[in-house]
Amino acid sequence: MAVEKTILMDGAGVKRALTRIAHEILERNRGVEDVVLVGIRSGGAFLADGIAEQISIIEGEPVQVGAVDITLYRDDCAGQLPHAPVGNTAIPFSLEAKKVILVDDVLYTGRTIRAAMDALMDFGRPSCIQLAVLIDRGHRELPIRADFVGRNVPTSLKENVQVVFDENNQPLEVVLEK
């Protein structure tokens, strides 16, 4: 049986969504003071870079960007940790009293976000954590919601949503697989 694919967003649509998210972040936080972005490896980290670029264009000043790997914080890897590849967490700044914008590509059950928040707390105590996602597909298992959403896409449990990146880690498209 062949997998049926539907393009939900093309590269231009993704860029528009990231620009809108950047504007919403700036509006909610009244600028970039004490704001940092932390993307969840790997797709969220690439998108955090894109949002940071848009914020820099809009505000004329940069915002710090980091990336967090959540492999060791996942709750679905019990008994698998010796085999699970651990990625690189790169947060080269303090999170103390910062407004952390946690960035992910697709929000689904909420378990990835819970693991990322656990990981962030090992790096300090932010004043708040806000969540930005490109796609919210529903089906939450935990009481987690995004503050900034590129697009809500109702899906069935049998469907999958993928954000496809090019060799330069730029988003090409968002695909729904049935």
Protein backbone atom coordinates (compact mmCIF):
# COMPACT_ATOMS: atom_id res chain seq x y z
CA MET A 1 0.00 0.00 0.00
CA ALA A 2 1.51 3.33 -1.06
CA VAL A 3 1.73 6.26 1.34
CA GLU A 4 -0.46 9.15 0.23
CA LYS A 5 1.21 12.54 0.74
CA THR A 6 -0.42 15.96 0.83
CA ILE A 7 1.62 19.17 0.96
CA LEU A 8 0.19 21.31 3.76
CA MET A 9 2.66 24.19 3.42
CA ASP A 10 5.33 24.99 0.86
CA GLY A 11 8.58 26.79 1.68
CA ALA A 12 7.02 30.23 1.20
CA GLY A 13 4.12 29.27 3.48
CA VAL A 14 6.55 28.12 6.17
CA LYS A 15 8.47 31.40 5.92
CA ARG A 16 5.23 33.40 6.27
CA ALA A 17 4.26 31.35 9.33
CA LEU A 18 7.69 31.90 10.94
CA THR A 19 7.45 35.64 10.24
CA ARG A 20 3.99 35.77 11.85
CA ILE A 21 5.25 33.79 14.88
CA ALA A 22 8.19 36.23 15.20
CA HIS A 23 5.77 39.20 15.22
CA GLU A 24 3.56 37.49 17.82
CA ILE A 25 6.56 36.73 20.05
CA LEU A 26 7.67 40.36 19.88
CA GLU A 27 4.17 41.64 20.60
CA ARG A 28 3.56 39.35 23.58
CA ASN A 29 7.01 40.04 25.08
CA ARG A 30 7.14 43.75 24.19
CA GLY A 31 10.37 43.37 22.24
CA VAL A 32 13.41 41.15 22.70
CA GLU A 33 14.61 42.12 26.17
CA ASP A 34 15.38 38.92 28.12
CA VAL A 35 13.94 36.78 25.29
CA VAL A 36 15.89 33.71 24.13
CA LEU A 37 14.93 30.97 21.69
CA VAL A 38 15.67 27.30 22.32
CA GLY A 39 14.82 24.82 19.57
CA ILE A 40 14.24 21.13 20.15
CA ARG A 41 16.66 19.06 18.05
CA SER A 42 16.48 18.75 15.22
CA GLY A 43 13.55 20.35 13.40
CA GLY A 44 12.74 22.78 16.20
CA ALA A 45 16.35 23.96 16.30
CA PHE A 46 16.27 24.74 12.57
CA LEU A 47 12.98 26.61 12.97
CA ALA A 48 14.31 28.56 15.98
CA ASP A 49 17.10 29.84 13.74
CA GLY A 50 14.49 30.97 11.19
CA ILE A 51 12.41 32.75 13.83
CA ALA A 52 15.53 34.42 15.25
CA GLU A 53 16.43 35.64 11.77
CA GLN A 54 12.96 37.17 11.35
CA ILE A 55 13.11 38.80 14.81
CA SER A 56 16.48 40.30 13.93
CA ILE A 57 15.06 41.74 10.69
CA ILE A 58 11.99 43.16 12.44
CA GLU A 59 13.70 44.55 15.58
CA GLY A 60 17.14 45.33 14.18
CA GLU A 61 18.82 43.44 17.00
CA PRO A 62 19.65 39.77 17.44
CA VAL A 63 18.11 37.34 19.89
CA GLN A 64 20.12 34.49 21.42
CA VAL A 65 19.39 31.01 20.09
CA GLY A 66 20.16 27.61 21.58
CA ALA A 67 19.22 24.00 20.93
CA VAL A 68 18.26 21.23 23.31
CA ASP A 69 18.45 17.48 22.79
CA ILE A 70 15.81 15.61 24.78
CA THR A 71 16.94 12.02 24.25
CA LEU A 72 17.79 11.40 27.92
CA TYR A 73 14.55 13.04 29.11
CA ARG A 74 12.08 11.06 27.00
CA ASP A 75 9.57 8.85 28.78
CA ASP A 76 9.28 6.38 25.90
CA CYS A 77 12.89 5.17 25.90
CA ALA A 78 12.82 2.98 29.03
CA GLY A 79 15.26 0.14 28.55
CA GLN A 80 16.54 1.66 25.29
CA LEU A 81 18.90 4.36 26.59
CA PRO A 82 22.16 2.47 25.94
CA HIS A 83 21.13 2.32 22.27
CA ALA A 84 19.56 5.74 21.90
CA PRO A 85 21.80 8.24 20.12
CA VAL A 86 22.28 11.33 22.25
CA GLY A 87 22.50 14.58 20.34
CA ASN A 88 24.08 17.87 21.21
CA THR A 89 22.52 20.40 23.56
CA ALA A 90 23.93 23.85 22.89
CA ILE A 91 22.66 26.58 25.19
CA PRO A 92 25.58 29.03 25.37
CA PHE A 93 23.78 31.49 27.64
CA SER A 94 22.10 31.54 31.03
CA LEU A 95 18.38 30.81 31.23
CA GLU A 96 18.07 32.47 34.64
CA ALA A 97 15.18 34.98 34.60
CA LYS A 98 14.91 34.72 30.78
CA LYS A 99 11.73 34.46 28.73
CA VAL A 100 12.44 31.19 26.93
CA ILE A 101 10.63 30.55 23.69
CA LEU A 102 10.78 26.78 23.21
CA VAL A 103 10.47 25.92 19.51
CA ASP A 104 9.38 22.63 17.93
CA ASP A 105 8.26 21.65 14.47
CA VAL A 106 5.15 19.53 15.19
CA LEU A 107 3.14 19.46 18.42
CA TYR A 108 1.38 16.13 18.90
CA THR A 109 0.98 14.36 22.27
CA GLY A 110 2.93 16.94 24.29
CA ARG A 111 5.46 14.40 25.58
CA THR A 112 8.35 15.91 23.62
CA ILE A 113 7.57 19.33 25.09
CA ARG A 114 7.42 17.92 28.64
CA ALA A 115 10.83 16.31 28.13
CA ALA A 116 12.25 19.57 26.73
CA MET A 117 10.99 21.55 29.72
CA ASP A 118 12.61 19.02 32.05
CA ALA A 119 15.88 19.44 30.14
CA LEU A 120 15.66 23.26 30.25
CA MET A 121 15.26 23.25 34.03
CA ASP A 122 18.68 21.60 34.28
CA PHE A 123 20.11 24.80 32.72
CA GLY A 124 18.49 27.31 35.03
CA ARG A 125 15.19 28.80 36.08
CA PRO A 126 13.60 30.93 33.36
CA SER A 127 11.03 33.57 34.28
CA CYS A 128 8.68 31.81 31.84
CA ILE A 129 8.62 29.27 29.04
CA GLN A 130 6.47 29.94 25.99
CA LEU A 131 5.93 27.39 23.23
CA ALA A 132 6.15 28.09 19.49
CA VAL A 133 5.33 25.34 16.99
CA LEU A 134 5.01 25.33 13.23
CA ILE A 135 2.23 22.71 13.23
CA ASP A 136 -0.23 21.74 15.97
CA ARG A 137 -1.86 18.46 14.97
CA GLY A 138 -3.85 17.81 18.15
CA HIS A 139 -4.14 14.51 20.09
CA ARG A 140 -2.63 15.78 23.35
CA GLU A 141 -1.85 13.27 26.09
CA LEU A 142 -0.58 15.96 28.48
CA PRO A 143 -2.05 19.39 29.35
CA ILE A 144 0.28 21.32 27.04
CA ARG A 145 -0.67 23.98 24.51
CA ALA A 146 1.32 26.19 22.19
CA ASP A 147 1.46 29.95 22.67
CA PHE A 148 2.42 30.54 19.04
CA VAL A 149 1.19 28.27 16.21
CA GLY A 150 2.03 28.46 12.53
CA ARG A 151 -0.93 26.29 11.56
CA ASN A 152 -3.44 23.99 13.24
CA VAL A 153 -3.90 20.77 11.28
CA PRO A 154 -6.51 18.31 12.58
CA THR A 155 -5.23 14.79 11.92
CA SER A 156 -6.18 11.21 12.60
CA LEU A 157 -3.99 9.00 14.76
CA LYS A 158 -3.02 7.06 11.62
CA GLU A 159 -1.66 10.14 9.86
CA ASN A 160 1.81 11.64 10.21
CA VAL A 161 3.02 15.22 9.74
CA GLN A 162 6.60 15.82 8.57
CA VAL A 163 8.49 19.07 8.15
CA VAL A 164 10.98 18.51 5.33
CA PHE A 165 14.28 20.43 5.41
CA ASP A 166 16.90 20.88 2.67
CA GLU A 167 20.65 20.24 3.02
CA ASN A 168 21.06 23.76 4.49
CA ASN A 169 18.42 23.06 7.17
CA GLN A 170 15.91 25.39 5.52
CA PRO A 171 12.28 24.20 5.60
CA LEU A 172 11.11 23.06 2.17
CA GLU A 173 7.56 21.97 2.98
CA VAL A 174 5.20 20.41 5.48
CA VAL A 175 3.74 17.09 4.39
CA LEU A 176 0.77 15.09 5.68
CA GLU A 177 1.25 11.34 5.18
CA LYS A 178 -1.81 9.08 5.17
